[in-house]
């Protein structure tokens, strides 16, 4: 059973930085697409960034100057800097065996429980 576990969240002040991690287990094949999504209270889950095993990287336009995604085999990280209160969300790691990047959460069968990132002074 594929399992994803996020870590690295926590309270951060505006302008601060955090690095989220997502580790995986329970699979023998490579999870070729690994992604970060986020969901703020009362809002729909939205795509943040995707990293494929083949080197593909996409990132949400509104955060591309602040967030960086990286991965090493079946671990993915999201480096976030210059955080603002509007980025307060629960951040989720998602994965799938297919390679093409997708920003649609419905395309990802495997999800972590998320890690909360409150941005507040």
PDB file of N, CA and C in Angstrom:
ATOM      1  N   UNK A   1       0.844  -1.180   0.000  1.00  0.00           N
ATOM      2  CA  UNK A   1       0.000   0.000   0.000  1.00  0.00           C
ATOM      3  C   UNK A   1       0.887   1.240   0.000  1.00  0.00           C
ATOM      4  N   UNK A   2       0.671   2.083  -0.988  1.00  0.00           N
ATOM      5  CA  UNK A   2       1.487   3.297  -1.099  1.00  0.00           C
ATOM      6  C   UNK A   2       1.107   4.265   0.011  1.00  0.00           C
ATOM      7  N   UNK A   3       2.113   4.769   0.693  1.00  0.00           N
ATOM      8  CA  UNK A   3       1.880   5.756   1.744  1.00  0.00           C
ATOM      9  C   UNK A   3       2.769   6.972   1.517  1.00  0.00           C
ATOM     10  N   UNK A   4       2.202   8.147   1.757  1.00  0.00           N
ATOM     11  CA  UNK A   4       2.930   9.398   1.651  1.00  0.00           C
ATOM     12  C   UNK A   4       2.839  10.115   3.001  1.00  0.00           C
ATOM     13  N   UNK A   5       3.952  10.633   3.446  1.00  0.00           N
ATOM     14  CA  UNK A   5       3.979  11.329   4.722  1.00  0.00           C
ATOM     15  C   UNK A   5       4.681  12.673   4.550  1.00  0.00           C
ATOM     16  N   UNK A   6       3.931  13.728   4.847  1.00  0.00           N
ATOM     17  CA  UNK A   6       4.498  15.077   4.776  1.00  0.00           C
ATOM     18  C   UNK A   6       5.068  15.492   6.121  1.00  0.00           C
ATOM     19  N   UNK A   7       6.041  16.374   6.070  1.00  0.00           N
ATOM     20  CA  UNK A   7       6.590  16.951   7.284  1.00  0.00           C
ATOM     21  C   UNK A   7       7.157  18.333   6.962  1.00  0.00           C
ATOM     22  N   UNK A   8       7.451  19.084   8.000  1.00  0.00           N
ATOM     23  CA  UNK A   8       8.076  20.386   7.823  1.00  0.00           C
ATOM     24  C   UNK A   8       7.164  21.572   7.989  1.00  0.00           C
ATOM     25  N   UNK A   9       5.880  21.331   8.164  1.00  0.00           N
ATOM     26  CA  UNK A   9       4.964  22.441   8.346  1.00  0.00           C
ATOM     27  C   UNK A   9       5.056  23.035   9.737  1.00  0.00           C
ATOM     28  N   UNK A  10       4.346  24.115   9.927  1.00  0.00           N
ATOM     29  CA  UNK A  10       4.362  24.781  11.228  1.00  0.00           C
ATOM     30  C   UNK A  10       4.189  26.277  11.076  1.00  0.00           C
ATOM     31  N   UNK A  11       3.986  26.912  12.200  1.00  0.00           N
ATOM     32  CA  UNK A  11       3.760  28.357  12.204  1.00  0.00           C
ATOM     33  C   UNK A  11       5.004  29.101  11.729  1.00  0.00           C
ATOM     34  N   UNK A  12       4.791  30.037  10.822  1.00  0.00           N
ATOM     35  CA  UNK A  12       5.893  30.849  10.311  1.00  0.00           C
ATOM     36  C   UNK A  12       5.414  32.290  10.191  1.00  0.00           C
ATOM     37  N   UNK A  13       6.293  33.210  10.446  1.00  0.00           N
ATOM     38  CA  UNK A  13       5.947  34.622  10.347  1.00  0.00           C
ATOM     39  C   UNK A  13       5.973  35.078   8.886  1.00  0.00           C
ATOM     40  N   UNK A  14       5.213  36.100   8.568  1.00  0.00           N
ATOM     41  CA  UNK A  14       5.274  36.647   7.198  1.00  0.00           C
ATOM     42  C   UNK A  14       6.705  36.992   6.811  1.00  0.00           C
ATOM     43  N   UNK A  15       7.062  36.620   5.615  1.00  0.00           N
ATOM     44  CA  UNK A  15       8.424  36.820   5.150  1.00  0.00           C
ATOM     45  C   UNK A  15       9.348  35.664   5.435  1.00  0.00           C
ATOM     46  N   UNK A  16       8.885  34.721   6.206  1.00  0.00           N
ATOM     47  CA  UNK A  16       9.714  33.582   6.573  1.00  0.00           C
ATOM     48  C   UNK A  16       9.732  32.487   5.524  1.00  0.00           C
ATOM     49  N   UNK A  17      10.467  31.433   5.849  1.00  0.00           N
ATOM     50  CA  UNK A  17      10.651  30.315   4.931  1.00  0.00           C
ATOM     51  C   UNK A  17      10.361  28.994   5.626  1.00  0.00           C
ATOM     52  N   UNK A  18       9.986  28.010   4.828  1.00  0.00           N
ATOM     53  CA  UNK A  18       9.790  26.651   5.302  1.00  0.00           C
ATOM     54  C   UNK A  18      10.169  25.702   4.190  1.00  0.00           C
ATOM     55  N   UNK A  19      10.575  24.510   4.592  1.00  0.00           N
ATOM     56  CA  UNK A  19      10.837  23.460   3.622  1.00  0.00           C
ATOM     57  C   UNK A  19       9.995  22.245   3.994  1.00  0.00           C
ATOM     58  N   UNK A  20       9.076  21.926   3.110  1.00  0.00           N
ATOM     59  CA  UNK A  20       8.230  20.759   3.312  1.00  0.00           C
ATOM     60  C   UNK A  20       8.870  19.542   2.659  1.00  0.00           C
ATOM     61  N   UNK A  21       8.676  18.406   3.290  1.00  0.00           N
ATOM     62  CA  UNK A  21       9.185  17.146   2.749  1.00  0.00           C
ATOM     63  C   UNK A  21       8.053  16.142   2.627  1.00  0.00           C
ATOM     64  N   UNK A  22       8.192  15.262   1.680  1.00  0.00           N
ATOM     65  CA  UNK A  22       7.224  14.179   1.507  1.00  0.00           C
ATOM     66  C   UNK A  22       7.998  12.907   1.210  1.00  0.00           C
ATOM     67  N   UNK A  23       7.866  11.950   2.082  1.00  0.00           N
ATOM     68  CA  UNK A  23       8.506  10.662   1.873  1.00  0.00           C
ATOM     69  C   UNK A  23       7.457   9.614   1.563  1.00  0.00           C
ATOM     70  N   UNK A  24       7.855   8.609   0.802  1.00  0.00           N
ATOM     71  CA  UNK A  24       6.909   7.599   0.371  1.00  0.00           C
ATOM     72  C   UNK A  24       7.379   6.202   0.761  1.00  0.00           C
ATOM     73  N   UNK A  25       6.447   5.286   0.797  1.00  0.00           N
ATOM     74  CA  UNK A  25       6.760   3.896   1.092  1.00  0.00           C
ATOM     75  C   UNK A  25       5.664   3.008   0.546  1.00  0.00           C
ATOM     76  N   UNK A  26       5.935   1.707   0.544  1.00  0.00           N
ATOM     77  CA  UNK A  26       4.904   0.763   0.153  1.00  0.00           C
ATOM     78  C   UNK A  26       4.748   0.536  -1.333  1.00  0.00           C
ATOM     79  N   UNK A  27       5.797   0.853  -2.103  1.00  0.00           N
ATOM     80  CA  UNK A  27       5.709   0.640  -3.538  1.00  0.00           C
ATOM     81  C   UNK A  27       7.057   0.189  -4.068  1.00  0.00           C
ATOM     82  N   UNK A  28       7.022  -0.613  -5.118  1.00  0.00           N
ATOM     83  CA  UNK A  28       8.253  -1.090  -5.722  1.00  0.00           C
ATOM     84  C   UNK A  28       8.562  -0.363  -7.019  1.00  0.00           C
ATOM     85  N   UNK A  29       7.549   0.187  -7.640  1.00  0.00           N
ATOM     86  CA  UNK A  29       7.745   0.964  -8.855  1.00  0.00           C
ATOM     87  C   UNK A  29       7.908   2.443  -8.491  1.00  0.00           C
ATOM     88  N   UNK A  30       8.562   3.180  -9.376  1.00  0.00           N
ATOM     89  CA  UNK A  30       8.791   4.599  -9.135  1.00  0.00           C
ATOM     90  C   UNK A  30       7.504   5.399  -9.300  1.00  0.00           C
ATOM     91  N   UNK A  31       7.243   6.251  -8.359  1.00  0.00           N
ATOM     92  CA  UNK A  31       6.136   7.197  -8.480  1.00  0.00           C
ATOM     93  C   UNK A  31       6.614   8.323  -9.389  1.00  0.00           C
ATOM     94  N   UNK A  32       6.250   8.265 -10.640  1.00  0.00           N
ATOM     95  CA  UNK A  32       6.849   9.149 -11.631  1.00  0.00           C
ATOM     96  C   UNK A  32       6.386  10.595 -11.532  1.00  0.00           C
ATOM     97  N   UNK A  33       5.242  10.835 -11.004  1.00  0.00           N
ATOM     98  CA  UNK A  33       4.792  12.217 -10.776  1.00  0.00           C
ATOM     99  C   UNK A  33       4.529  12.398  -9.296  1.00  0.00           C
ATOM    100  N   UNK A  34       5.159  13.424  -8.727  1.00  0.00           N
ATOM    101  CA  UNK A  34       4.913  13.779  -7.333  1.00  0.00           C
ATOM    102  C   UNK A  34       4.580  15.256  -7.291  1.00  0.00           C
ATOM    103  N   UNK A  35       3.579  15.588  -6.501  1.00  0.00           N
ATOM    104  CA  UNK A  35       3.041  16.944  -6.561  1.00  0.00           C
ATOM    105  C   UNK A  35       2.737  17.477  -5.176  1.00  0.00           C
ATOM    106  N   UNK A  36       2.647  18.780  -5.123  1.00  0.00           N
ATOM    107  CA  UNK A  36       2.154  19.471  -3.935  1.00  0.00           C
ATOM    108  C   UNK A  36       0.875  20.207  -4.281  1.00  0.00           C
ATOM    109  N   UNK A  37      -0.094  20.049  -3.415  1.00  0.00           N
ATOM    110  CA  UNK A  37      -1.345  20.792  -3.485  1.00  0.00           C
ATOM    111  C   UNK A  37      -1.532  21.484  -2.148  1.00  0.00           C
ATOM    112  N   UNK A  38      -2.441  22.428  -2.114  1.00  0.00           N
ATOM    113  CA  UNK A  38      -2.758  23.066  -0.840  1.00  0.00           C
ATOM    114  C   UNK A  38      -4.245  23.365  -0.792  1.00  0.00           C
ATOM    115  N   UNK A  39      -4.727  23.462   0.417  1.00  0.00           N
ATOM    116  CA  UNK A  39      -6.143  23.761   0.622  1.00  0.00           C
ATOM    117  C   UNK A  39      -6.290  24.658   1.821  1.00  0.00           C
ATOM    118  N   UNK A  40      -6.760  25.856   1.565  1.00  0.00           N
ATOM    119  CA  UNK A  40      -7.040  26.792   2.638  1.00  0.00           C
ATOM    120  C   UNK A  40      -8.444  26.521   3.172  1.00  0.00           C
ATOM    121  N   UNK A  41      -8.669  26.951   4.379  1.00  0.00           N
ATOM    122  CA  UNK A  41      -9.965  26.733   5.011  1.00  0.00           C
ATOM    123  C   UNK A  41     -11.095  27.312   4.175  1.00  0.00           C
ATOM    124  N   UNK A  42     -12.074  26.494   3.853  1.00  0.00           N
ATOM    125  CA  UNK A  42     -13.224  26.951   3.093  1.00  0.00           C
ATOM    126  C   UNK A  42     -13.022  27.061   1.598  1.00  0.00           C
ATOM    127  N   UNK A  43     -11.857  26.632   1.132  1.00  0.00           N
ATOM    128  CA  UNK A  43     -11.564  26.728  -0.296  1.00  0.00           C
ATOM    129  C   UNK A  43     -11.269  25.354  -0.881  1.00  0.00           C
ATOM    130  N   UNK A  44     -11.271  25.291  -2.189  1.00  0.00           N
ATOM    131  CA  UNK A  44     -10.963  24.036  -2.874  1.00  0.00           C
ATOM    132  C   UNK A  44      -9.455  23.775  -2.865  1.00  0.00           C
ATOM    133  N   UNK A  45      -9.137  22.505  -2.983  1.00  0.00           N
ATOM    134  CA  UNK A  45      -7.734  22.131  -3.067  1.00  0.00           C
ATOM    135  C   UNK A  45      -7.171  22.642  -4.402  1.00  0.00           C
ATOM    136  N   UNK A  46      -5.969  23.211  -4.358  1.00  0.00           N
ATOM    137  CA  UNK A  46      -5.380  23.749  -5.571  1.00  0.00           C
ATOM    138  C   UNK A  46      -3.949  23.253  -5.756  1.00  0.00           C
ATOM    139  N   UNK A  47      -3.588  23.150  -6.986  1.00  0.00           N
ATOM    140  CA  UNK A  47      -2.256  22.704  -7.357  1.00  0.00           C
ATOM    141  C   UNK A  47      -1.215  23.755  -6.979  1.00  0.00           C
ATOM    142  N   UNK A  48      -0.052  23.294  -6.567  1.00  0.00           N
ATOM    143  CA  UNK A  48       1.067  24.184  -6.285  1.00  0.00           C
ATOM    144  C   UNK A  48       2.240  23.883  -7.219  1.00  0.00           C
ATOM    145  N   UNK A  49       2.645  22.605  -7.270  1.00  0.00           N
ATOM    146  CA  UNK A  49       3.806  22.271  -8.074  1.00  0.00           C
ATOM    147  C   UNK A  49       3.862  20.770  -8.325  1.00  0.00           C
ATOM    148  N   UNK A  50       4.527  20.385  -9.421  1.00  0.00           N
ATOM    149  CA  UNK A  50       4.682  18.984  -9.784  1.00  0.00           C
ATOM    150  C   UNK A  50       6.118  18.733 -10.218  1.00  0.00           C
ATOM    151  N   UNK A  51       6.641  17.594  -9.819  1.00  0.00           N
ATOM    152  CA  UNK A  51       7.967  17.167 -10.268  1.00  0.00           C
ATOM    153  C   UNK A  51       7.864  15.738 -10.786  1.00  0.00           C
ATOM    154  N   UNK A  52       8.353  15.514 -11.983  1.00  0.00           N
ATOM    155  CA  UNK A  52       8.316  14.167 -12.539  1.00  0.00           C
ATOM    156  C   UNK A  52       9.686  13.498 -12.415  1.00  0.00           C
ATOM    157  N   UNK A  53       9.670  12.196 -12.492  1.00  0.00           N
ATOM    158  CA  UNK A  53      10.895  11.416 -12.402  1.00  0.00           C
ATOM    159  C   UNK A  53      11.835  11.754 -13.556  1.00  0.00           C
ATOM    160  N   UNK A  54      11.262  12.115 -14.692  1.00  0.00           N
ATOM    161  CA  UNK A  54      12.058  12.437 -15.866  1.00  0.00           C
ATOM    162  C   UNK A  54      12.628  13.838 -15.868  1.00  0.00           C
ATOM    163  N   UNK A  55      12.378  14.612 -14.821  1.00  0.00           N
ATOM    164  CA  UNK A  55      12.948  15.947 -14.718  1.00  0.00           C
ATOM    165  C   UNK A  55      11.980  17.088 -14.972  1.00  0.00           C
ATOM    166  N   UNK A  56      10.759  16.775 -15.340  1.00  0.00           N
ATOM    167  CA  UNK A  56       9.783  17.824 -15.570  1.00  0.00           C
ATOM    168  C   UNK A  56       9.430  18.551 -14.272  1.00  0.00           C
ATOM    169  N   UNK A  57       9.287  19.859 -14.359  1.00  0.00           N
ATOM    170  CA  UNK A  57       8.937  20.679 -13.204  1.00  0.00           C
ATOM    171  C   UNK A  57       7.932  21.733 -13.652  1.00  0.00           C
ATOM    172  N   UNK A  58       6.843  21.827 -12.951  1.00  0.00           N
ATOM    173  CA  UNK A  58       5.911  22.923 -13.179  1.00  0.00           C
ATOM    174  C   UNK A  58       5.536  23.489 -11.822  1.00  0.00           C
ATOM    175  N   UNK A  59       5.221  24.768 -11.811  1.00  0.00           N
ATOM    176  CA  UNK A  59       4.874  25.424 -10.559  1.00  0.00           C
ATOM    177  C   UNK A  59       3.831  26.491 -10.833  1.00  0.00           C
ATOM    178  N   UNK A  60       2.948  26.628  -9.897  1.00  0.00           N
ATOM    179  CA  UNK A  60       1.869  27.613 -10.003  1.00  0.00           C
ATOM    180  C   UNK A  60       2.469  28.989 -10.227  1.00  0.00           C
ATOM    181  N   UNK A  61       1.936  29.697 -11.183  1.00  0.00           N
ATOM    182  CA  UNK A  61       2.490  30.983 -11.596  1.00  0.00           C
ATOM    183  C   UNK A  61       2.592  31.970 -10.438  1.00  0.00           C
ATOM    184  N   UNK A  62       1.598  31.985  -9.583  1.00  0.00           N
ATOM    185  CA  UNK A  62       1.556  32.983  -8.521  1.00  0.00           C
ATOM    186  C   UNK A  62       2.610  32.764  -7.441  1.00  0.00           C
ATOM    187  N   UNK A  63       3.235  31.587  -7.434  1.00  0.00           N
ATOM    188  CA  UNK A  63       4.244  31.317  -6.408  1.00  0.00           C
ATOM    189  C   UNK A  63       5.602  30.973  -6.997  1.00  0.00           C
ATOM    190  N   UNK A  64       5.758  31.091  -8.287  1.00  0.00           N
ATOM    191  CA  UNK A  64       6.970  30.589  -8.932  1.00  0.00           C
ATOM    192  C   UNK A  64       8.228  31.313  -8.484  1.00  0.00           C
ATOM    193  N   UNK A  65       8.103  32.543  -7.999  1.00  0.00           N
ATOM    194  CA  UNK A  65       9.276  33.288  -7.525  1.00  0.00           C
ATOM    195  C   UNK A  65       9.561  33.038  -6.047  1.00  0.00           C
ATOM    196  N   UNK A  66       8.698  32.261  -5.400  1.00  0.00           N
ATOM    197  CA  UNK A  66       8.849  32.040  -3.958  1.00  0.00           C
ATOM    198  C   UNK A  66       9.023  30.572  -3.605  1.00  0.00           C
ATOM    199  N   UNK A  67       8.490  29.676  -4.441  1.00  0.00           N
ATOM    200  CA  UNK A  67       8.502  28.248  -4.142  1.00  0.00           C
ATOM    201  C   UNK A  67       9.391  27.512  -5.144  1.00  0.00           C
ATOM    202  N   UNK A  68      10.048  26.477  -4.651  1.00  0.00           N
ATOM    203  CA  UNK A  68      10.843  25.604  -5.502  1.00  0.00           C
ATOM    204  C   UNK A  68      10.577  24.158  -5.139  1.00  0.00           C
ATOM    205  N   UNK A  69      10.324  23.350  -6.149  1.00  0.00           N
ATOM    206  CA  UNK A  69      10.115  21.930  -5.920  1.00  0.00           C
ATOM    207  C   UNK A  69      11.373  21.170  -6.331  1.00  0.00           C
ATOM    208  N   UNK A  70      11.666  20.117  -5.574  1.00  0.00           N
ATOM    209  CA  UNK A  70      12.770  19.240  -5.934  1.00  0.00           C
ATOM    210  C   UNK A  70      12.416  17.828  -5.512  1.00  0.00           C
ATOM    211  N   UNK A  71      13.094  16.857  -6.102  1.00  0.00           N
ATOM    212  CA  UNK A  71      12.822  15.478  -5.740  1.00  0.00           C
ATOM    213  C   UNK A  71      14.062  14.626  -5.939  1.00  0.00           C
ATOM    214  N   UNK A  72      14.074  13.546  -5.226  1.00  0.00           N
ATOM    215  CA  UNK A  72      15.136  12.563  -5.326  1.00  0.00           C
ATOM    216  C   UNK A  72      14.451  11.204  -5.254  1.00  0.00           C
ATOM    217  N   UNK A  73      14.351  10.544  -6.390  1.00  0.00           N
ATOM    218  CA  UNK A  73      13.617   9.279  -6.466  1.00  0.00           C
ATOM    219  C   UNK A  73      12.209   9.463  -5.919  1.00  0.00           C
ATOM    220  N   UNK A  74      11.920   8.912  -4.769  1.00  0.00           N
ATOM    221  CA  UNK A  74      10.560   8.946  -4.258  1.00  0.00           C
ATOM    222  C   UNK A  74      10.388   9.845  -3.045  1.00  0.00           C
ATOM    223  N   UNK A  75      11.201  10.880  -2.963  1.00  0.00           N
ATOM    224  CA  UNK A  75      11.035  11.917  -1.963  1.00  0.00           C
ATOM    225  C   UNK A  75      10.936  13.248  -2.689  1.00  0.00           C
ATOM    226  N   UNK A  76      10.037  14.083  -2.233  1.00  0.00           N
ATOM    227  CA  UNK A  76       9.870  15.389  -2.872  1.00  0.00           C
ATOM    228  C   UNK A  76       9.857  16.459  -1.791  1.00  0.00           C
ATOM    229  N   UNK A  77      10.413  17.611  -2.135  1.00  0.00           N
ATOM    230  CA  UNK A  77      10.468  18.736  -1.213  1.00  0.00           C
ATOM    231  C   UNK A  77       9.828  19.967  -1.850  1.00  0.00           C
ATOM    232  N   UNK A  78       9.348  20.848  -0.998  1.00  0.00           N
ATOM    233  CA  UNK A  78       8.849  22.131  -1.464  1.00  0.00           C
ATOM    234  C   UNK A  78       9.490  23.202  -0.595  1.00  0.00           C
ATOM    235  N   UNK A  79      10.391  23.955  -1.181  1.00  0.00           N
ATOM    236  CA  UNK A  79      11.032  25.055  -0.484  1.00  0.00           C
ATOM    237  C   UNK A  79      10.191  26.297  -0.692  1.00  0.00           C
ATOM    238  N   UNK A  80       9.751  26.894   0.404  1.00  0.00           N
ATOM    239  CA  UNK A  80       8.886  28.059   0.337  1.00  0.00           C
ATOM    240  C   UNK A  80       9.573  29.231   1.023  1.00  0.00           C
ATOM    241  N   UNK A  81       9.601  30.360   0.374  1.00  0.00           N
ATOM    242  CA  UNK A  81      10.223  31.545   0.965  1.00  0.00           C
ATOM    243  C   UNK A  81       9.307  32.750   0.774  1.00  0.00           C
ATOM    244  N   UNK A  82       9.626  33.813   1.498  1.00  0.00           N
ATOM    245  CA  UNK A  82       8.833  35.050   1.454  1.00  0.00           C
ATOM    246  C   UNK A  82       7.353  34.746   1.631  1.00  0.00           C
ATOM    247  N   UNK A  83       7.066  33.957   2.619  1.00  0.00           N
ATOM    248  CA  UNK A  83       5.678  33.523   2.834  1.00  0.00           C
ATOM    249  C   UNK A  83       4.810  34.688   3.288  1.00  0.00           C
ATOM    250  N   UNK A  84       3.579  34.648   2.860  1.00  0.00           N
ATOM    251  CA  UNK A  84       2.599  35.667   3.204  1.00  0.00           C
ATOM    252  C   UNK A  84       1.385  35.000   3.843  1.00  0.00           C
ATOM    253  N   UNK A  85       0.619  35.758   4.623  1.00  0.00           N
ATOM    254  CA  UNK A  85      -0.559  35.164   5.285  1.00  0.00           C
ATOM    255  C   UNK A  85      -1.503  34.460   4.320  1.00  0.00           C
ATOM    256  N   UNK A  86      -1.578  34.947   3.075  1.00  0.00           N
ATOM    257  CA  UNK A  86      -2.483  34.317   2.103  1.00  0.00           C
ATOM    258  C   UNK A  86      -2.051  32.910   1.727  1.00  0.00           C
ATOM    259  N   UNK A  87      -0.828  32.537   2.085  1.00  0.00           N
ATOM    260  CA  UNK A  87      -0.349  31.176   1.792  1.00  0.00           C
ATOM    261  C   UNK A  87      -0.720  30.191   2.884  1.00  0.00           C
ATOM    262  N   UNK A  88      -1.378  30.670   3.914  1.00  0.00           N
ATOM    263  CA  UNK A  88      -1.818  29.786   4.981  1.00  0.00           C
ATOM    264  C   UNK A  88      -2.743  28.723   4.408  1.00  0.00           C
ATOM    265  N   UNK A  89      -2.352  27.482   4.549  1.00  0.00           N
ATOM    266  CA  UNK A  89      -3.094  26.356   3.993  1.00  0.00           C
ATOM    267  C   UNK A  89      -2.600  25.062   4.624  1.00  0.00           C
ATOM    268  N   UNK A  90      -3.327  24.016   4.322  1.00  0.00           N
ATOM    269  CA  UNK A  90      -2.805  22.681   4.579  1.00  0.00           C
ATOM    270  C   UNK A  90      -2.182  22.207   3.263  1.00  0.00           C
ATOM    271  N   UNK A  91      -0.932  21.826   3.333  1.00  0.00           N
ATOM    272  CA  UNK A  91      -0.205  21.417   2.136  1.00  0.00           C
ATOM    273  C   UNK A  91      -0.162  19.892   2.064  1.00  0.00           C
ATOM    274  N   UNK A  92      -0.549  19.387   0.902  1.00  0.00           N
ATOM    275  CA  UNK A  92      -0.642  17.953   0.678  1.00  0.00           C
ATOM    276  C   UNK A  92       0.352  17.498  -0.381  1.00  0.00           C
ATOM    277  N   UNK A  93       0.919  16.350  -0.144  1.00  0.00           N
ATOM    278  CA  UNK A  93       1.730  15.677  -1.136  1.00  0.00           C
ATOM    279  C   UNK A  93       0.855  14.651  -1.850  1.00  0.00           C
ATOM    280  N   UNK A  94       1.025  14.549  -3.159  1.00  0.00           N
ATOM    281  CA  UNK A  94       0.272  13.580  -3.950  1.00  0.00           C
ATOM    282  C   UNK A  94       1.206  12.920  -4.950  1.00  0.00           C
ATOM    283  N   UNK A  95       0.851  11.722  -5.369  1.00  0.00           N
ATOM    284  CA  UNK A  95       1.726  11.006  -6.294  1.00  0.00           C
ATOM    285  C   UNK A  95       0.932  10.064  -7.174  1.00  0.00           C
ATOM    286  N   UNK A  96       1.563   9.729  -8.298  1.00  0.00           N
ATOM    287  CA  UNK A  96       0.974   8.743  -9.183  1.00  0.00           C
ATOM    288  C   UNK A  96       2.087   8.059  -9.970  1.00  0.00           C
ATOM    289  N   UNK A  97       1.803   6.911 -10.544  1.00  0.00           N
ATOM    290  CA  UNK A  97       2.816   6.185 -11.292  1.00  0.00           C
ATOM    291  C   UNK A  97       3.005   6.748 -12.699  1.00  0.00           C
ATOM    292  N   UNK A  98       2.011   7.459 -13.226  1.00  0.00           N
ATOM    293  CA  UNK A  98       2.118   8.002 -14.577  1.00  0.00           C
ATOM    294  C   UNK A  98       3.086   9.174 -14.613  1.00  0.00           C
ATOM    295  N   UNK A  99       3.750   9.324 -15.762  1.00  0.00           N
ATOM    296  CA  UNK A  99       4.779  10.353 -15.900  1.00  0.00           C
ATOM    297  C   UNK A  99       4.253  11.748 -16.202  1.00  0.00           C
ATOM    298  N   UNK A 100       3.311  11.940 -17.124  1.00  0.00           N
ATOM    299  CA  UNK A 100       2.959  13.304 -17.522  1.00  0.00           C
ATOM    300  C   UNK A 100       2.528  14.148 -16.335  1.00  0.00           C
ATOM    301  N   UNK A 101       2.947  15.430 -16.369  1.00  0.00           N
ATOM    302  CA  UNK A 101       2.543  16.312 -15.291  1.00  0.00           C
ATOM    303  C   UNK A 101       1.046  16.571 -15.378  1.00  0.00           C
ATOM    304  N   UNK A 102       0.450  16.689 -14.220  1.00  0.00           N
ATOM    305  CA  UNK A 102      -0.969  17.013 -14.161  1.00  0.00           C
ATOM    306  C   UNK A 102      -1.204  17.923 -12.970  1.00  0.00           C
ATOM    307  N   UNK A 103      -2.038  18.933 -13.176  1.00  0.00           N
ATOM    308  CA  UNK A 103      -2.406  19.840 -12.090  1.00  0.00           C
ATOM    309  C   UNK A 103      -3.776  19.506 -11.523  1.00  0.00           C
ATOM    310  N   UNK A 104      -4.378  18.440 -12.014  1.00  0.00           N
ATOM    311  CA  UNK A 104      -5.708  18.035 -11.576  1.00  0.00           C
ATOM    312  C   UNK A 104      -5.593  17.070 -10.403  1.00  0.00           C
ATOM    313  N   UNK A 105      -6.092  17.429  -9.236  1.00  0.00           N
ATOM    314  CA  UNK A 105      -5.959  16.532  -8.087  1.00  0.00           C
ATOM    315  C   UNK A 105      -6.624  15.179  -8.308  1.00  0.00           C
ATOM    316  N   UNK A 106      -7.613  15.124  -9.175  1.00  0.00           N
ATOM    317  CA  UNK A 106      -8.308  13.859  -9.434  1.00  0.00           C
ATOM    318  C   UNK A 106      -7.414  12.850 -10.147  1.00  0.00           C
ATOM    319  N   UNK A 107      -6.311  13.306 -10.712  1.00  0.00           N
ATOM    320  CA  UNK A 107      -5.400  12.409 -11.423  1.00  0.00           C
ATOM    321  C   UNK A 107      -4.422  11.704 -10.485  1.00  0.00           C
ATOM    322  N   UNK A 108      -4.453  12.069  -9.224  1.00  0.00           N
ATOM    323  CA  UNK A 108      -3.499  11.499  -8.268  1.00  0.00           C
ATOM    324  C   UNK A 108      -4.210  10.540  -7.317  1.00  0.00           C
ATOM    325  N   UNK A 109      -3.862   9.275  -7.365  1.00  0.00           N
ATOM    326  CA  UNK A 109      -4.524   8.296  -6.500  1.00  0.00           C
ATOM    327  C   UNK A 109      -3.944   8.204  -5.087  1.00  0.00           C
ATOM    328  N   UNK A 110      -2.731   8.737  -4.907  1.00  0.00           N
ATOM    329  CA  UNK A 110      -2.076   8.590  -3.612  1.00  0.00           C
ATOM    330  C   UNK A 110      -1.848   9.957  -2.972  1.00  0.00           C
ATOM    331  N   UNK A 111      -2.247  10.049  -1.706  1.00  0.00           N
ATOM    332  CA  UNK A 111      -2.191  11.319  -0.987  1.00  0.00           C
ATOM    333  C   UNK A 111      -1.669  11.128   0.431  1.00  0.00           C
ATOM    334  N   UNK A 112      -0.949  12.130   0.896  1.00  0.00           N
ATOM    335  CA  UNK A 112      -0.625  12.190   2.307  1.00  0.00           C
ATOM    336  C   UNK A 112      -1.737  12.886   3.063  1.00  0.00           C
ATOM    337  N   UNK A 113      -1.578  12.952   4.368  1.00  0.00           N
ATOM    338  CA  UNK A 113      -2.591  13.594   5.204  1.00  0.00           C
ATOM    339  C   UNK A 113      -2.423  15.107   5.243  1.00  0.00           C
ATOM    340  N   UNK A 114      -1.305  15.590   4.792  1.00  0.00           N
ATOM    341  CA  UNK A 114      -1.088  17.029   4.760  1.00  0.00           C
ATOM    342  C   UNK A 114      -0.340  17.540   5.973  1.00  0.00           C
ATOM    343  N   UNK A 115       0.217  18.711   5.801  1.00  0.00           N
ATOM    344  CA  UNK A 115       0.892  19.392   6.895  1.00  0.00           C
ATOM    345  C   UNK A 115       0.438  20.841   6.901  1.00  0.00           C
ATOM    346  N   UNK A 116       0.106  21.327   8.084  1.00  0.00           N
ATOM    347  CA  UNK A 116      -0.467  22.665   8.191  1.00  0.00           C
ATOM    348  C   UNK A 116       0.622  23.720   8.171  1.00  0.00           C
ATOM    349  N   UNK A 117       0.381  24.765   7.399  1.00  0.00           N
ATOM    350  CA  UNK A 117       1.316  25.893   7.341  1.00  0.00           C
ATOM    351  C   UNK A 117       0.538  27.169   7.610  1.00  0.00           C
ATOM    352  N   UNK A 118       0.523  27.608   8.858  1.00  0.00           N
ATOM    353  CA  UNK A 118      -0.071  28.911   9.180  1.00  0.00           C
ATOM    354  C   UNK A 118       1.001  29.992   9.049  1.00  0.00           C
ATOM    355  N   UNK A 119       0.670  31.038   8.324  1.00  0.00           N
ATOM    356  CA  UNK A 119       1.591  32.175   8.175  1.00  0.00           C
ATOM    357  C   UNK A 119       0.977  33.352   8.914  1.00  0.00           C
ATOM    358  N   UNK A 120       1.579  33.696  10.022  1.00  0.00           N
ATOM    359  CA  UNK A 120       0.990  34.728  10.871  1.00  0.00           C
ATOM    360  C   UNK A 120       2.043  35.293  11.809  1.00  0.00           C
ATOM    361  N   UNK A 121       1.853  36.577  12.146  1.00  0.00           N
ATOM    362  CA  UNK A 121       2.735  37.197  13.125  1.00  0.00           C
ATOM    363  C   UNK A 121       2.114  37.109  14.518  1.00  0.00           C
TER     364      UNK A 121
END
